[in-house]
Amino acid sequence: MKTLKIIASIAVGATAGLVAGYLTAPNSGKKTRKKIVGEIDSQFKSLEEGLNNKMSELKKDYNKQLNQVTDNGKYALNKAKEMASVN
């Protein structure tokens, strides 16, 4: 969750900086608005890509841990069955 906050903070900061830069640039209002919209779209796409990558990593880690726990459970169950059949 901390990583997502960092990514979001960077995206918001970068967007705010770009907007401030465009608003102080010597362009026409229409041109400036078009640049702002384009940059915001770009920032959102970048943020979405970063979040999708992070979710993919989290899913892989979750599945890896789930498989490990399942394997450990199966191993423990088999050992318990062996011990029960020996007695």
PDB file of N, CA and C in Angstrom:
ATOM      1  N   MET A   1       0.822  -1.188   0.000  1.00  0.00           N
ATOM      2  CA  MET A   1       0.000   0.000   0.000  1.00  0.00           C
ATOM      3  C   MET A   1       0.867   1.252   0.000  1.00  0.00           C
ATOM      4  N   LYS A   2       2.021   1.163   0.673  1.00  0.00           N
ATOM      5  CA  LYS A   2       2.917   2.307   0.733  1.00  0.00           C
ATOM      6  C   LYS A   2       3.424   2.669  -0.662  1.00  0.00           C
ATOM      7  N   THR A   3       3.717   1.661  -1.475  1.00  0.00           N
ATOM      8  CA  THR A   3       4.206   1.896  -2.828  1.00  0.00           C
ATOM      9  C   THR A   3       3.156   2.607  -3.669  1.00  0.00           C
ATOM     10  N   LEU A   4       1.900   2.218  -3.500  1.00  0.00           N
ATOM     11  CA  LEU A   4       0.824   2.859  -4.260  1.00  0.00           C
ATOM     12  C   LEU A   4       0.702   4.331  -3.879  1.00  0.00           C
ATOM     13  N   LYS A   5       0.875   4.644  -2.592  1.00  0.00           N
ATOM     14  CA  LYS A   5       0.815   6.038  -2.143  1.00  0.00           C
ATOM     15  C   LYS A   5       1.957   6.844  -2.743  1.00  0.00           C
ATOM     16  N   ILE A   6       3.128   6.226  -2.814  1.00  0.00           N
ATOM     17  CA  ILE A   6       4.283   6.916  -3.384  1.00  0.00           C
ATOM     18  C   ILE A   6       4.052   7.186  -4.871  1.00  0.00           C
ATOM     19  N   ILE A   7       3.571   6.171  -5.586  1.00  0.00           N
ATOM     20  CA  ILE A   7       3.305   6.337  -7.024  1.00  0.00           C
ATOM     21  C   ILE A   7       2.265   7.424  -7.248  1.00  0.00           C
ATOM     22  N   ALA A   8       1.192   7.394  -6.464  1.00  0.00           N
ATOM     23  CA  ALA A   8       0.142   8.393  -6.610  1.00  0.00           C
ATOM     24  C   ALA A   8       0.667   9.786  -6.281  1.00  0.00           C
ATOM     25  N   SER A   9       1.478   9.903  -5.242  1.00  0.00           N
ATOM     26  CA  SER A   9       2.032  11.200  -4.853  1.00  0.00           C
ATOM     27  C   SER A   9       2.932  11.769  -5.953  1.00  0.00           C
ATOM     28  N   ILE A  10       3.748  10.914  -6.535  1.00  0.00           N
ATOM     29  CA  ILE A  10       4.626  11.363  -7.622  1.00  0.00           C
ATOM     30  C   ILE A  10       3.802  11.826  -8.814  1.00  0.00           C
ATOM     31  N   ALA A  11       2.770  11.056  -9.151  1.00  0.00           N
ATOM     32  CA  ALA A  11       1.919  11.417 -10.294  1.00  0.00           C
ATOM     33  C   ALA A  11       1.208  12.742 -10.055  1.00  0.00           C
ATOM     34  N   VAL A  12       0.667  12.918  -8.854  1.00  0.00           N
ATOM     35  CA  VAL A  12      -0.038  14.165  -8.538  1.00  0.00           C
ATOM     36  C   VAL A  12       0.939  15.336  -8.550  1.00  0.00           C
ATOM     37  N   GLY A  13       2.116  15.144  -7.968  1.00  0.00           N
ATOM     38  CA  GLY A  13       3.113  16.209  -7.947  1.00  0.00           C
ATOM     39  C   GLY A  13       3.576  16.602  -9.335  1.00  0.00           C
ATOM     40  N   ALA A  14       3.837  15.591 -10.166  1.00  0.00           N
ATOM     41  CA  ALA A  14       4.271  15.869 -11.534  1.00  0.00           C
ATOM     42  C   ALA A  14       3.182  16.592 -12.315  1.00  0.00           C
ATOM     43  N   THR A  15       1.953  16.154 -12.146  1.00  0.00           N
ATOM     44  CA  THR A  15       0.838  16.801 -12.845  1.00  0.00           C
ATOM     45  C   THR A  15       0.675  18.243 -12.388  1.00  0.00           C
ATOM     46  N   ALA A  16       0.744  18.470 -11.090  1.00  0.00           N
ATOM     47  CA  ALA A  16       0.613  19.836 -10.559  1.00  0.00           C
ATOM     48  C   ALA A  16       1.736  20.728 -11.096  1.00  0.00           C
ATOM     49  N   GLY A  17       2.949  20.196 -11.142  1.00  0.00           N
ATOM     50  CA  GLY A  17       4.067  20.971 -11.673  1.00  0.00           C
ATOM     51  C   GLY A  17       3.887  21.308 -13.141  1.00  0.00           C
ATOM     52  N   LEU A  18       3.425  20.343 -13.915  1.00  0.00           N
ATOM     53  CA  LEU A  18       3.201  20.581 -15.345  1.00  0.00           C
ATOM     54  C   LEU A  18       2.088  21.605 -15.560  1.00  0.00           C
ATOM     55  N   VAL A  19       1.021  21.479 -14.797  1.00  0.00           N
ATOM     56  CA  VAL A  19      -0.092  22.431 -14.926  1.00  0.00           C
ATOM     57  C   VAL A  19       0.389  23.835 -14.583  1.00  0.00           C
ATOM     58  N   ALA A  20       1.135  23.963 -13.490  1.00  0.00           N
ATOM     59  CA  ALA A  20       1.647  25.277 -13.101  1.00  0.00           C
ATOM     60  C   ALA A  20       2.560  25.840 -14.190  1.00  0.00           C
ATOM     61  N   GLY A  21       3.398  24.982 -14.757  1.00  0.00           N
ATOM     62  CA  GLY A  21       4.277  25.421 -15.835  1.00  0.00           C
ATOM     63  C   GLY A  21       3.517  25.870 -17.062  1.00  0.00           C
ATOM     64  N   TYR A  22       2.498  25.137 -17.412  1.00  0.00           N
ATOM     65  CA  TYR A  22       1.708  25.504 -18.589  1.00  0.00           C
ATOM     66  C   TYR A  22       0.906  26.779 -18.358  1.00  0.00           C
ATOM     67  N   LEU A  23       0.417  26.954 -17.146  1.00  0.00           N
ATOM     68  CA  LEU A  23      -0.377  28.148 -16.864  1.00  0.00           C
ATOM     69  C   LEU A  23       0.471  29.420 -16.881  1.00  0.00           C
ATOM     70  N   THR A  24       1.746  29.280 -16.612  1.00  0.00           N
ATOM     71  CA  THR A  24       2.622  30.448 -16.633  1.00  0.00           C
ATOM     72  C   THR A  24       3.338  30.603 -17.971  1.00  0.00           C
ATOM     73  N   ALA A  25       3.159  29.676 -18.879  1.00  0.00           N
ATOM     74  CA  ALA A  25       3.799  29.752 -20.195  1.00  0.00           C
ATOM     75  C   ALA A  25       3.066  30.756 -21.077  1.00  0.00           C
ATOM     76  N   PRO A  26       3.791  31.378 -21.996  1.00  0.00           N
ATOM     77  CA  PRO A  26       3.183  32.401 -22.868  1.00  0.00           C
ATOM     78  C   PRO A  26       2.468  31.797 -24.080  1.00  0.00           C
ATOM     79  N   ASN A  27       1.459  30.988 -23.851  1.00  0.00           N
ATOM     80  CA  ASN A  27       0.663  30.410 -24.939  1.00  0.00           C
ATOM     81  C   ASN A  27      -0.774  30.897 -24.827  1.00  0.00           C
ATOM     82  N   SER A  28      -1.530  30.656 -25.888  1.00  0.00           N
ATOM     83  CA  SER A  28      -2.942  31.018 -25.844  1.00  0.00           C
ATOM     84  C   SER A  28      -3.677  30.076 -24.895  1.00  0.00           C
ATOM     85  N   GLY A  29      -4.834  30.498 -24.421  1.00  0.00           N
ATOM     86  CA  GLY A  29      -5.621  29.682 -23.491  1.00  0.00           C
ATOM     87  C   GLY A  29      -6.001  28.339 -24.082  1.00  0.00           C
ATOM     88  N   LYS A  30      -6.417  28.336 -25.329  1.00  0.00           N
ATOM     89  CA  LYS A  30      -6.837  27.089 -25.975  1.00  0.00           C
ATOM     90  C   LYS A  30      -5.664  26.123 -26.087  1.00  0.00           C
ATOM     91  N   LYS A  31      -4.523  26.640 -26.480  1.00  0.00           N
ATOM     92  CA  LYS A  31      -3.331  25.806 -26.622  1.00  0.00           C
ATOM     93  C   LYS A  31      -2.888  25.270 -25.259  1.00  0.00           C
ATOM     94  N   THR A  32      -2.942  26.126 -24.269  1.00  0.00           N
ATOM     95  CA  THR A  32      -2.544  25.725 -22.916  1.00  0.00           C
ATOM     96  C   THR A  32      -3.472  24.642 -22.380  1.00  0.00           C
ATOM     97  N   ARG A  33      -4.776  24.819 -22.544  1.00  0.00           N
ATOM     98  CA  ARG A  33      -5.735  23.814 -22.078  1.00  0.00           C
ATOM     99  C   ARG A  33      -5.507  22.476 -22.776  1.00  0.00           C
ATOM    100  N   LYS A  34      -5.222  22.534 -24.071  1.00  0.00           N
ATOM    101  CA  LYS A  34      -4.977  21.306 -24.822  1.00  0.00           C
ATOM    102  C   LYS A  34      -3.738  20.589 -24.286  1.00  0.00           C
ATOM    103  N   LYS A  35      -2.681  21.332 -23.975  1.00  0.00           N
ATOM    104  CA  LYS A  35      -1.471  20.739 -23.415  1.00  0.00           C
ATOM    105  C   LYS A  35      -1.749  20.138 -22.039  1.00  0.00           C
ATOM    106  N   ILE A  36      -2.518  20.862 -21.224  1.00  0.00           N
ATOM    107  CA  ILE A  36      -2.837  20.377 -19.877  1.00  0.00           C
ATOM    108  C   ILE A  36      -3.609  19.065 -19.958  1.00  0.00           C
ATOM    109  N   VAL A  37      -4.614  19.014 -20.800  1.00  0.00           N
ATOM    110  CA  VAL A  37      -5.418  17.801 -20.948  1.00  0.00           C
ATOM    111  C   VAL A  37      -4.548  16.649 -21.444  1.00  0.00           C
ATOM    112  N   GLY A  38      -3.677  16.941 -22.395  1.00  0.00           N
ATOM    113  CA  GLY A  38      -2.791  15.900 -22.917  1.00  0.00           C
ATOM    114  C   GLY A  38      -1.846  15.372 -21.841  1.00  0.00           C
ATOM    115  N   GLU A  39      -1.296  16.258 -21.036  1.00  0.00           N
ATOM    116  CA  GLU A  39      -0.387  15.833 -19.966  1.00  0.00           C
ATOM    117  C   GLU A  39      -1.127  15.063 -18.872  1.00  0.00           C
ATOM    118  N   ILE A  40      -2.309  15.514 -18.534  1.00  0.00           N
ATOM    119  CA  ILE A  40      -3.094  14.799 -17.520  1.00  0.00           C
ATOM    120  C   ILE A  40      -3.425  13.393 -18.010  1.00  0.00           C
ATOM    121  N   ASP A  41      -3.823  13.282 -19.261  1.00  0.00           N
ATOM    122  CA  ASP A  41      -4.090  11.956 -19.829  1.00  0.00           C
ATOM    123  C   ASP A  41      -2.843  11.082 -19.789  1.00  0.00           C
ATOM    124  N   SER A  42      -1.719  11.665 -20.144  1.00  0.00           N
ATOM    125  CA  SER A  42      -0.460  10.922 -20.116  1.00  0.00           C
ATOM    126  C   SER A  42      -0.107  10.472 -18.704  1.00  0.00           C
ATOM    127  N   GLN A  43      -0.295  11.360 -17.728  1.00  0.00           N
ATOM    128  CA  GLN A  43       0.007  11.021 -16.336  1.00  0.00           C
ATOM    129  C   GLN A  43      -0.921   9.917 -15.828  1.00  0.00           C
ATOM    130  N   PHE A  44      -2.191   9.992 -16.176  1.00  0.00           N
ATOM    131  CA  PHE A  44      -3.134   8.954 -15.746  1.00  0.00           C
ATOM    132  C   PHE A  44      -2.796   7.606 -16.378  1.00  0.00           C
ATOM    133  N   LYS A  45      -2.420   7.616 -17.639  1.00  0.00           N
ATOM    134  CA  LYS A  45      -2.027   6.369 -18.300  1.00  0.00           C
ATOM    135  C   LYS A  45      -0.790   5.780 -17.636  1.00  0.00           C
ATOM    136  N   SER A  46       0.158   6.645 -17.314  1.00  0.00           N
ATOM    137  CA  SER A  46       1.376   6.195 -16.639  1.00  0.00           C
ATOM    138  C   SER A  46       1.049   5.625 -15.261  1.00  0.00           C
ATOM    139  N   LEU A  47       0.187   6.310 -14.539  1.00  0.00           N
ATOM    140  CA  LEU A  47      -0.225   5.840 -13.217  1.00  0.00           C
ATOM    141  C   LEU A  47      -0.963   4.513 -13.322  1.00  0.00           C
ATOM    142  N   GLU A  48      -1.860   4.409 -14.294  1.00  0.00           N
ATOM    143  CA  GLU A  48      -2.606   3.167 -14.490  1.00  0.00           C
ATOM    144  C   GLU A  48      -1.671   2.005 -14.827  1.00  0.00           C
ATOM    145  N   GLU A  49      -0.689   2.268 -15.661  1.00  0.00           N
ATOM    146  CA  GLU A  49       0.274   1.229 -16.026  1.00  0.00           C
ATOM    147  C   GLU A  49       1.077   0.788 -14.798  1.00  0.00           C
ATOM    148  N   GLY A  50       1.506   1.760 -13.999  1.00  0.00           N
ATOM    149  CA  GLY A  50       2.246   1.436 -12.777  1.00  0.00           C
ATOM    150  C   GLY A  50       1.414   0.628 -11.802  1.00  0.00           C
ATOM    151  N   LEU A  51       0.150   1.005 -11.647  1.00  0.00           N
ATOM    152  CA  LEU A  51      -0.735   0.275 -10.741  1.00  0.00           C
ATOM    153  C   LEU A  51      -1.012  -1.137 -11.255  1.00  0.00           C
ATOM    154  N   ASN A  52      -1.196  -1.267 -12.560  1.00  0.00           N
ATOM    155  CA  ASN A  52      -1.421  -2.595 -13.143  1.00  0.00           C
ATOM    156  C   ASN A  52      -0.198  -3.491 -12.952  1.00  0.00           C
ATOM    157  N   ASN A  53       0.988  -2.922 -13.136  1.00  0.00           N
ATOM    158  CA  ASN A  53       2.211  -3.693 -12.920  1.00  0.00           C
ATOM    159  C   ASN A  53       2.330  -4.124 -11.466  1.00  0.00           C
ATOM    160  N   LYS A  54       2.022  -3.215 -10.553  1.00  0.00           N
ATOM    161  CA  LYS A  54       2.112  -3.541  -9.130  1.00  0.00           C
ATOM    162  C   LYS A  54       1.088  -4.612  -8.765  1.00  0.00           C
ATOM    163  N   MET A  55      -0.134  -4.510  -9.295  1.00  0.00           N
ATOM    164  CA  MET A  55      -1.154  -5.531  -9.030  1.00  0.00           C
ATOM    165  C   MET A  55      -0.713  -6.883  -9.569  1.00  0.00           C
ATOM    166  N   SER A  56      -0.084  -6.898 -10.725  1.00  0.00           N
ATOM    167  CA  SER A  56       0.406  -8.146 -11.299  1.00  0.00           C
ATOM    168  C   SER A  56       1.469  -8.763 -10.395  1.00  0.00           C
ATOM    169  N   GLU A  57       2.378  -7.934  -9.887  1.00  0.00           N
ATOM    170  CA  GLU A  57       3.399  -8.431  -8.966  1.00  0.00           C
ATOM    171  C   GLU A  57       2.764  -8.981  -7.693  1.00  0.00           C
ATOM    172  N   LEU A  58       1.791  -8.259  -7.168  1.00  0.00           N
ATOM    173  CA  LEU A  58       1.126  -8.699  -5.943  1.00  0.00           C
ATOM    174  C   LEU A  58       0.401 -10.021  -6.154  1.00  0.00           C
ATOM    175  N   LYS A  59      -0.254 -10.181  -7.302  1.00  0.00           N
ATOM    176  CA  LYS A  59      -0.947 -11.435  -7.606  1.00  0.00           C
ATOM    177  C   LYS A  59       0.039 -12.596  -7.695  1.00  0.00           C
ATOM    178  N   LYS A  60       1.185 -12.355  -8.335  1.00  0.00           N
ATOM    179  CA  LYS A  60       2.201 -13.406  -8.439  1.00  0.00           C
ATOM    180  C   LYS A  60       2.705 -13.799  -7.055  1.00  0.00           C
ATOM    181  N   ASP A  61       2.997 -12.794  -6.221  1.00  0.00           N
ATOM    182  CA  ASP A  61       3.471 -13.073  -4.860  1.00  0.00           C
ATOM    183  C   ASP A  61       2.412 -13.827  -4.058  1.00  0.00           C
ATOM    184  N   TYR A  62       1.153 -13.402  -4.194  1.00  0.00           N
ATOM    185  CA  TYR A  62       0.057 -14.060  -3.479  1.00  0.00           C
ATOM    186  C   TYR A  62      -0.053 -15.524  -3.897  1.00  0.00           C
ATOM    187  N   ASN A  63      -0.039 -15.771  -5.198  1.00  0.00           N
ATOM    188  CA  ASN A  63      -0.154 -17.146  -5.698  1.00  0.00           C
ATOM    189  C   ASN A  63       1.030 -17.999  -5.270  1.00  0.00           C
ATOM    190  N   LYS A  64       2.218 -17.408  -5.277  1.00  0.00           N
ATOM    191  CA  LYS A  64       3.407 -18.131  -4.842  1.00  0.00           C
ATOM    192  C   LYS A  64       3.279 -18.529  -3.371  1.00  0.00           C
ATOM    193  N   GLN A  65       2.861 -17.596  -2.532  1.00  0.00           N
ATOM    194  CA  GLN A  65       2.701 -17.891  -1.108  1.00  0.00           C
ATOM    195  C   GLN A  65       1.563 -18.884  -0.873  1.00  0.00           C
ATOM    196  N   LEU A  66       0.482 -18.743  -1.621  1.00  0.00           N
ATOM    197  CA  LEU A  66      -0.640 -19.672  -1.490  1.00  0.00           C
ATOM    198  C   LEU A  66      -0.205 -21.087  -1.850  1.00  0.00           C
ATOM    199  N   ASN A  67       0.549 -21.227  -2.929  1.00  0.00           N
ATOM    200  CA  ASN A  67       1.052 -22.549  -3.328  1.00  0.00           C
ATOM    201  C   ASN A  67       1.982 -23.122  -2.271  1.00  0.00           C
ATOM    202  N   GLN A  68       2.816 -22.272  -1.701  1.00  0.00           N
ATOM    203  CA  GLN A  68       3.733 -22.737  -0.664  1.00  0.00           C
ATOM    204  C   GLN A  68       2.968 -23.211   0.573  1.00  0.00           C
ATOM    205  N   VAL A  69       1.970 -22.462   0.993  1.00  0.00           N
ATOM    206  CA  VAL A  69       1.162 -22.853   2.151  1.00  0.00           C
ATOM    207  C   VAL A  69       0.408 -24.150   1.849  1.00  0.00           C
ATOM    208  N   THR A  70      -0.126 -24.267   0.646  1.00  0.00           N
ATOM    209  CA  THR A  70      -0.846 -25.475   0.251  1.00  0.00           C
ATOM    210  C   THR A  70       0.086 -26.683   0.263  1.00  0.00           C
ATOM    211  N   ASP A  71       1.277 -26.496  -0.301  1.00  0.00           N
ATOM    212  CA  ASP A  71       2.254 -27.603  -0.304  1.00  0.00           C
ATOM    213  C   ASP A  71       2.645 -27.996   1.116  1.00  0.00           C
ATOM    214  N   ASN A  72       2.862 -27.014   1.972  1.00  0.00           N
ATOM    215  CA  ASN A  72       3.216 -27.304   3.366  1.00  0.00           C
ATOM    216  C   ASN A  72       2.072 -28.037   4.080  1.00  0.00           C
ATOM    217  N   GLY A  73       0.846 -27.633   3.790  1.00  0.00           N
ATOM    218  CA  GLY A  73      -0.315 -28.294   4.389  1.00  0.00           C
ATOM    219  C   GLY A  73      -0.436 -29.736   3.928  1.00  0.00           C
ATOM    220  N   LYS A  74      -0.239 -29.958   2.638  1.00  0.00           N
ATOM    221  CA  LYS A  74      -0.292 -31.326   2.109  1.00  0.00           C
ATOM    222  C   LYS A  74       0.800 -32.181   2.726  1.00  0.00           C
ATOM    223  N   TYR A  75       1.986 -31.628   2.844  1.00  0.00           N
ATOM    224  CA  TYR A  75       3.101 -32.355   3.450  1.00  0.00           C
ATOM    225  C   TYR A  75       2.776 -32.723   4.896  1.00  0.00           C
ATOM    226  N   ALA A  76       2.254 -31.757   5.652  1.00  0.00           N
ATOM    227  CA  ALA A  76       1.911 -32.012   7.051  1.00  0.00           C
ATOM    228  C   ALA A  76       0.806 -33.057   7.161  1.00  0.00           C
ATOM    229  N   LEU A  77      -0.175 -32.997   6.288  1.00  0.00           N
ATOM    230  CA  LEU A  77      -1.274 -33.970   6.294  1.00  0.00           C
ATOM    231  C   LEU A  77      -0.752 -35.375   5.984  1.00  0.00           C
ATOM    232  N   ASN A  78       0.119 -35.477   4.993  1.00  0.00           N
ATOM    233  CA  ASN A  78       0.702 -36.782   4.655  1.00  0.00           C
ATOM    234  C   ASN A  78       1.528 -37.339   5.812  1.00  0.00           C
ATOM    235  N   LYS A  79       2.292 -36.481   6.472  1.00  0.00           N
ATOM    236  CA  LYS A  79       3.085 -36.920   7.622  1.00  0.00           C
ATOM    237  C   LYS A  79       2.170 -37.397   8.754  1.00  0.00           C
ATOM    238  N   ALA A  80       1.079 -36.674   8.978  1.00  0.00           N
ATOM    239  CA  ALA A  80       0.137 -37.071  10.027  1.00  0.00           C
ATOM    240  C   ALA A  80      -0.503 -38.422   9.692  1.00  0.00           C
ATOM    241  N   LYS A  81      -0.844 -38.641   8.417  1.00  0.00           N
ATOM    242  CA  LYS A  81      -1.408 -39.916   7.997  1.00  0.00           C
ATOM    243  C   LYS A  81      -0.404 -41.037   8.188  1.00  0.00           C
ATOM    244  N   GLU A  82       0.858 -40.776   7.848  1.00  0.00           N
ATOM    245  CA  GLU A  82       1.908 -41.794   8.041  1.00  0.00           C
ATOM    246  C   GLU A  82       2.056 -42.146   9.505  1.00  0.00           C
ATOM    247  N   MET A  83       2.061 -41.130  10.345  1.00  0.00           N
ATOM    248  CA  MET A  83       2.215 -41.367  11.779  1.00  0.00           C
ATOM    249  C   MET A  83       1.016 -42.131  12.341  1.00  0.00           C
ATOM    250  N   ALA A  84      -0.171 -41.815  11.836  1.00  0.00           N
ATOM    251  CA  ALA A  84      -1.384 -42.487  12.301  1.00  0.00           C
ATOM    252  C   ALA A  84      -1.403 -43.951  11.855  1.00  0.00           C
ATOM    253  N   SER A  85      -0.895 -44.225  10.657  1.00  0.00           N
ATOM    254  CA  SER A  85      -0.908 -45.603  10.158  1.00  0.00           C
ATOM    255  C   SER A  85       0.183 -46.447  10.807  1.00  0.00           C
ATOM    256  N   VAL A  86       1.260 -45.850  11.290  1.00  0.00           N
ATOM    257  CA  VAL A  86       2.322 -46.583  11.954  1.00  0.00           C
ATOM    258  C   VAL A  86       1.864 -47.069  13.313  1.00  0.00           C
ATOM    259  N   ASN A  87       1.090 -46.279  13.996  1.00  0.00           N
ATOM    260  CA  ASN A  87       0.632 -46.636  15.356  1.00  0.00           C
ATOM    261  C   ASN A  87      -0.425 -47.623  15.253  1.00  0.00           C
TER     262      ASN A  87
END
